[in-house]
Every structure is written in C-alpha cells, then in structure tokens.
C-alpha cells in the first residue's frame, strides 16, 4: 500500500462559505428613485433613528448646496437659496 502524503496547500475546490449578504444583496430589489421621501424614510429608517437620519440628511443637503449646486434640482436649489437668504 502506498502512503499518500497530505498536501499543506489548500484544495482547488471552491470554498462553500459565502458572505452572509451575498445572496441577500443579489436578491434585494433595486431602490426606487421615484419613491417619495416619506416612503423611503419609513421603509429604511427605524423609529429610533429618525432624528439621526434627518440630521444627516440635512447636513448632506447643506454640503451639496455649499459645494455641488449642480447636483440639486432647480426647485431644491431655489428653496435652499431662499432659506439661506432668510437666515442672513
């Protein structure tokens, strides 16, 4: 009988372990960019984190207004400009 020496190299077989989100993200529906902000907020943000979400959203909107006005729609830009002028 021949004694086969076990190799220390990993097997060429693909690992069966998958990341826990690989299938979930693959099967998740795409975000609907046409959804209302209320619907998005209610579907993605739990009641306990609404204040954090709204605060971060306000900071992001301010960042866009200060640095990337071309990314804002004309309506948003007009409202933000009016609010900015009222704050002066």
N, C-alpha and C. Protein backbone atom coordinates (compact mmCIF):
# COMPACT_ATOMS: atom_id res chain seq x y z
N UNK A 1 0.82 -1.17 0.00
CA UNK A 1 0.00 0.00 0.00
C UNK A 1 0.87 1.23 0.00
N UNK A 2 0.43 2.23 -0.77
CA UNK A 2 1.17 3.48 -0.84
C UNK A 2 0.60 4.46 0.19
N UNK A 3 1.49 5.10 0.88
CA UNK A 3 1.07 6.15 1.82
C UNK A 3 1.07 7.48 1.10
N UNK A 4 -0.09 8.08 1.02
CA UNK A 4 -0.17 9.39 0.37
C UNK A 4 0.08 10.46 1.42
N UNK A 5 0.95 11.36 1.06
CA UNK A 5 1.27 12.45 1.95
C UNK A 5 0.25 13.57 1.71
N UNK A 6 -0.34 14.06 2.78
CA UNK A 6 -1.31 15.14 2.64
C UNK A 6 -0.58 16.43 2.32
N UNK A 7 -1.11 17.13 1.37
CA UNK A 7 -0.53 18.40 0.95
C UNK A 7 -0.94 19.50 1.92
N UNK A 8 -0.06 20.44 2.16
CA UNK A 8 -0.40 21.57 3.02
C UNK A 8 -1.05 22.69 2.21
N UNK A 9 -1.09 22.50 0.88
CA UNK A 9 -1.72 23.50 0.02
C UNK A 9 -3.23 23.37 0.11
N UNK A 10 -3.94 24.49 0.00
CA UNK A 10 -5.40 24.40 0.04
C UNK A 10 -5.94 23.68 -1.18
N UNK A 11 -7.07 23.10 -1.01
CA UNK A 11 -7.72 22.37 -2.09
C UNK A 11 -8.11 23.33 -3.20
N UNK A 12 -8.17 22.81 -4.43
CA UNK A 12 -8.56 23.65 -5.56
C UNK A 12 -10.07 23.83 -5.62
N UNK A 13 -10.80 23.11 -4.79
CA UNK A 13 -12.24 23.26 -4.75
C UNK A 13 -12.58 24.65 -4.23
N UNK A 14 -13.65 25.19 -4.78
CA UNK A 14 -14.09 26.50 -4.30
C UNK A 14 -14.65 26.35 -2.90
N UNK A 15 -14.39 27.36 -2.10
CA UNK A 15 -14.92 27.34 -0.74
C UNK A 15 -16.44 27.45 -0.80
N UNK A 16 -17.10 26.73 0.06
CA UNK A 16 -18.56 26.77 0.06
C UNK A 16 -19.10 27.88 0.94
N UNK A 17 -18.25 28.47 1.75
CA UNK A 17 -18.71 29.55 2.62
C UNK A 17 -18.97 30.80 1.79
N UNK A 18 -20.12 31.38 2.00
CA UNK A 18 -20.48 32.60 1.29
C UNK A 18 -20.66 33.71 2.30
N UNK A 19 -20.45 34.92 1.85
CA UNK A 19 -20.68 36.03 2.76
C UNK A 19 -22.16 36.07 3.08
N UNK A 20 -22.53 36.48 4.29
CA UNK A 20 -23.93 36.44 4.68
C UNK A 20 -24.81 37.36 3.85
N UNK A 21 -24.24 38.39 3.22
CA UNK A 21 -25.06 39.31 2.46
C UNK A 21 -25.01 39.05 0.96
N UNK A 22 -24.20 38.12 0.52
CA UNK A 22 -24.04 37.93 -0.92
C UNK A 22 -25.36 37.58 -1.60
N UNK A 23 -26.09 36.62 -1.08
CA UNK A 23 -27.37 36.26 -1.68
C UNK A 23 -28.44 37.31 -1.40
N UNK A 24 -28.41 37.86 -0.21
CA UNK A 24 -29.42 38.86 0.15
C UNK A 24 -29.31 40.08 -0.74
N UNK A 25 -28.10 40.57 -0.97
CA UNK A 25 -27.97 41.77 -1.79
C UNK A 25 -28.25 41.46 -3.25
N UNK A 26 -27.96 40.25 -3.67
CA UNK A 26 -28.23 39.86 -5.05
C UNK A 26 -29.73 39.77 -5.30
N UNK A 27 -30.48 39.36 -4.30
CA UNK A 27 -31.93 39.19 -4.45
C UNK A 27 -32.72 40.42 -4.03
N UNK A 28 -32.06 41.42 -3.47
CA UNK A 28 -32.77 42.61 -2.99
C UNK A 28 -33.24 43.44 -4.18
N UNK A 29 -34.43 44.01 -4.06
CA UNK A 29 -34.91 44.86 -5.16
C UNK A 29 -34.09 46.14 -5.23
N UNK A 30 -33.99 46.69 -6.42
CA UNK A 30 -33.26 47.94 -6.58
C UNK A 30 -34.04 49.06 -5.91
N UNK A 31 -33.34 50.06 -5.44
CA UNK A 31 -34.01 51.20 -4.81
C UNK A 31 -34.82 51.95 -5.86
N UNK A 32 -35.97 52.40 -5.47
CA UNK A 32 -36.85 53.14 -6.37
C UNK A 32 -36.57 54.62 -6.22
N UNK A 33 -35.89 55.21 -7.18
CA UNK A 33 -35.51 56.63 -7.12
C UNK A 33 -36.73 57.54 -7.24
N UNK A 34 -37.86 56.98 -7.65
CA UNK A 34 -39.07 57.79 -7.81
C UNK A 34 -39.94 57.80 -6.56
N UNK A 35 -39.55 57.04 -5.56
CA UNK A 35 -40.36 56.95 -4.34
C UNK A 35 -40.32 58.28 -3.58
N UNK A 36 -41.40 58.55 -2.87
CA UNK A 36 -41.44 59.78 -2.08
C UNK A 36 -40.46 59.64 -0.91
N UNK A 37 -40.00 60.79 -0.42
CA UNK A 37 -39.05 60.75 0.70
C UNK A 37 -39.69 60.16 1.94
N UNK A 38 -40.98 60.40 2.14
CA UNK A 38 -41.67 59.81 3.29
C UNK A 38 -41.66 58.29 3.21
N UNK A 39 -41.93 57.76 2.02
CA UNK A 39 -41.96 56.30 1.85
C UNK A 39 -40.57 55.71 2.06
N UNK A 40 -39.56 56.37 1.52
CA UNK A 40 -38.19 55.87 1.70
C UNK A 40 -37.80 55.91 3.16
N UNK A 41 -38.10 57.03 3.82
CA UNK A 41 -37.76 57.18 5.23
C UNK A 41 -38.41 56.09 6.07
N UNK A 42 -39.69 55.82 5.82
CA UNK A 42 -40.40 54.84 6.61
C UNK A 42 -39.95 53.41 6.33
N UNK A 43 -39.45 53.16 5.12
CA UNK A 43 -39.06 51.80 4.78
C UNK A 43 -37.62 51.48 5.15
N UNK A 44 -36.79 52.48 5.29
CA UNK A 44 -35.37 52.22 5.56
C UNK A 44 -34.91 52.66 6.94
N UNK A 45 -35.66 53.49 7.61
CA UNK A 45 -35.20 54.06 8.87
C UNK A 45 -36.16 53.68 9.98
N UNK A 46 -35.62 53.06 11.02
CA UNK A 46 -36.44 52.69 12.16
C UNK A 46 -36.83 53.92 12.97
N UNK A 47 -37.89 53.78 13.76
CA UNK A 47 -38.37 54.90 14.57
C UNK A 47 -37.29 55.47 15.48
N UNK A 48 -36.42 54.62 16.00
CA UNK A 48 -35.39 55.08 16.93
C UNK A 48 -34.27 55.88 16.28
N UNK A 49 -34.17 55.85 14.97
CA UNK A 49 -33.06 56.55 14.32
C UNK A 49 -33.51 57.68 13.40
N UNK A 50 -34.77 58.07 13.49
CA UNK A 50 -35.30 59.14 12.62
C UNK A 50 -34.52 60.44 12.84
N UNK A 51 -34.27 60.82 14.08
CA UNK A 51 -33.56 62.08 14.35
C UNK A 51 -32.17 62.07 13.73
N UNK A 52 -31.48 60.97 13.87
CA UNK A 52 -30.14 60.86 13.28
C UNK A 52 -30.23 60.94 11.77
N UNK A 53 -31.18 60.24 11.20
CA UNK A 53 -31.35 60.23 9.74
C UNK A 53 -31.64 61.64 9.22
N UNK A 54 -32.57 62.33 9.84
CA UNK A 54 -32.95 63.66 9.38
C UNK A 54 -31.77 64.62 9.54
N UNK A 55 -31.03 64.51 10.63
CA UNK A 55 -29.86 65.36 10.84
C UNK A 55 -28.80 65.13 9.77
N UNK A 56 -28.53 63.87 9.47
CA UNK A 56 -27.54 63.56 8.45
C UNK A 56 -28.02 63.99 7.06
N UNK A 57 -29.31 63.84 6.81
CA UNK A 57 -29.87 64.26 5.53
C UNK A 57 -29.75 65.78 5.37
N UNK A 58 -30.01 66.51 6.44
CA UNK A 58 -29.88 67.98 6.40
C UNK A 58 -28.43 68.38 6.16
N UNK A 59 -27.48 67.72 6.84
CA UNK A 59 -26.06 68.03 6.62
C UNK A 59 -25.63 67.70 5.20
N UNK A 60 -26.14 66.61 4.65
CA UNK A 60 -25.79 66.24 3.29
C UNK A 60 -26.36 67.25 2.29
N UNK A 61 -27.60 67.65 2.52
CA UNK A 61 -28.21 68.66 1.65
C UNK A 61 -27.44 69.97 1.71
N UNK A 62 -27.01 70.36 2.90
CA UNK A 62 -26.21 71.59 3.05
C UNK A 62 -24.87 71.46 2.35
N UNK A 63 -24.26 70.28 2.46
CA UNK A 63 -22.99 70.04 1.76
C UNK A 63 -23.18 70.20 0.25
N UNK A 64 -24.24 69.61 -0.28
CA UNK A 64 -24.49 69.75 -1.72
C UNK A 64 -24.72 71.21 -2.10
N UNK A 65 -25.47 71.93 -1.29
CA UNK A 65 -25.75 73.34 -1.56
C UNK A 65 -24.46 74.17 -1.55
N UNK A 66 -23.59 73.87 -0.59
CA UNK A 66 -22.34 74.64 -0.46
C UNK A 66 -21.29 74.26 -1.50
N UNK A 67 -21.28 73.01 -1.94
CA UNK A 67 -20.16 72.52 -2.76
C UNK A 67 -20.53 71.99 -4.15
N UNK A 68 -21.75 71.56 -4.33
CA UNK A 68 -22.14 70.91 -5.59
C UNK A 68 -23.56 71.31 -5.99
N UNK A 69 -23.80 72.59 -6.21
CA UNK A 69 -25.16 73.04 -6.51
C UNK A 69 -25.70 72.44 -7.80
N UNK A 70 -24.83 72.03 -8.69
CA UNK A 70 -25.26 71.42 -9.93
C UNK A 70 -25.94 70.07 -9.73
N UNK A 71 -25.75 69.47 -8.57
CA UNK A 71 -26.37 68.17 -8.27
C UNK A 71 -27.81 68.32 -7.75
N UNK A 72 -28.20 69.55 -7.42
CA UNK A 72 -29.54 69.80 -6.89
C UNK A 72 -30.50 70.17 -8.01
N UNK A 73 -31.75 69.76 -7.87
CA UNK A 73 -32.76 70.15 -8.86
C UNK A 73 -33.00 71.65 -8.73
N UNK A 74 -33.54 72.24 -9.77
CA UNK A 74 -33.81 73.68 -9.76
C UNK A 74 -34.74 74.06 -8.61
N UNK A 75 -35.75 73.24 -8.37
CA UNK A 75 -36.69 73.52 -7.29
C UNK A 75 -36.04 73.50 -5.92
N UNK A 76 -35.19 72.47 -5.68
CA UNK A 76 -34.48 72.40 -4.40
C UNK A 76 -33.52 73.56 -4.25
N UNK A 77 -32.81 73.87 -5.31
CA UNK A 77 -31.82 74.94 -5.26
C UNK A 77 -32.51 76.28 -4.95
N UNK A 78 -33.66 76.51 -5.57
CA UNK A 78 -34.39 77.76 -5.32
C UNK A 78 -34.85 77.85 -3.87
N UNK A 79 -35.41 76.75 -3.34
CA UNK A 79 -35.87 76.75 -1.95
C UNK A 79 -34.71 76.92 -0.97
N UNK A 80 -33.60 76.26 -1.26
CA UNK A 80 -32.44 76.37 -0.36
C UNK A 80 -31.82 77.76 -0.43
N UNK A 81 -31.81 78.36 -1.61
CA UNK A 81 -31.28 79.72 -1.75
C UNK A 81 -32.17 80.71 -0.99
N UNK A 82 -33.49 80.55 -1.10
CA UNK A 82 -34.41 81.41 -0.36
C UNK A 82 -34.20 81.27 1.15
N UNK A 83 -34.08 80.03 1.63
CA UNK A 83 -33.86 79.79 3.06
C UNK A 83 -32.53 80.38 3.50
N UNK A 84 -31.51 80.25 2.68
CA UNK A 84 -30.19 80.79 3.00
C UNK A 84 -30.26 82.32 3.13
N UNK A 85 -30.97 82.95 2.19
CA UNK A 85 -31.09 84.42 2.24
C UNK A 85 -31.90 84.88 3.44
N UNK A 86 -32.89 84.11 3.87
CA UNK A 86 -33.66 84.46 5.07
C UNK A 86 -32.81 84.35 6.33
N UNK A 87 -31.85 83.41 6.32
CA UNK A 87 -31.00 83.19 7.50
C UNK A 87 -29.95 84.30 7.68
N UNK A 88 -29.70 85.07 6.63
CA UNK A 88 -28.64 86.10 6.71
C UNK A 88 -29.03 87.20 7.64
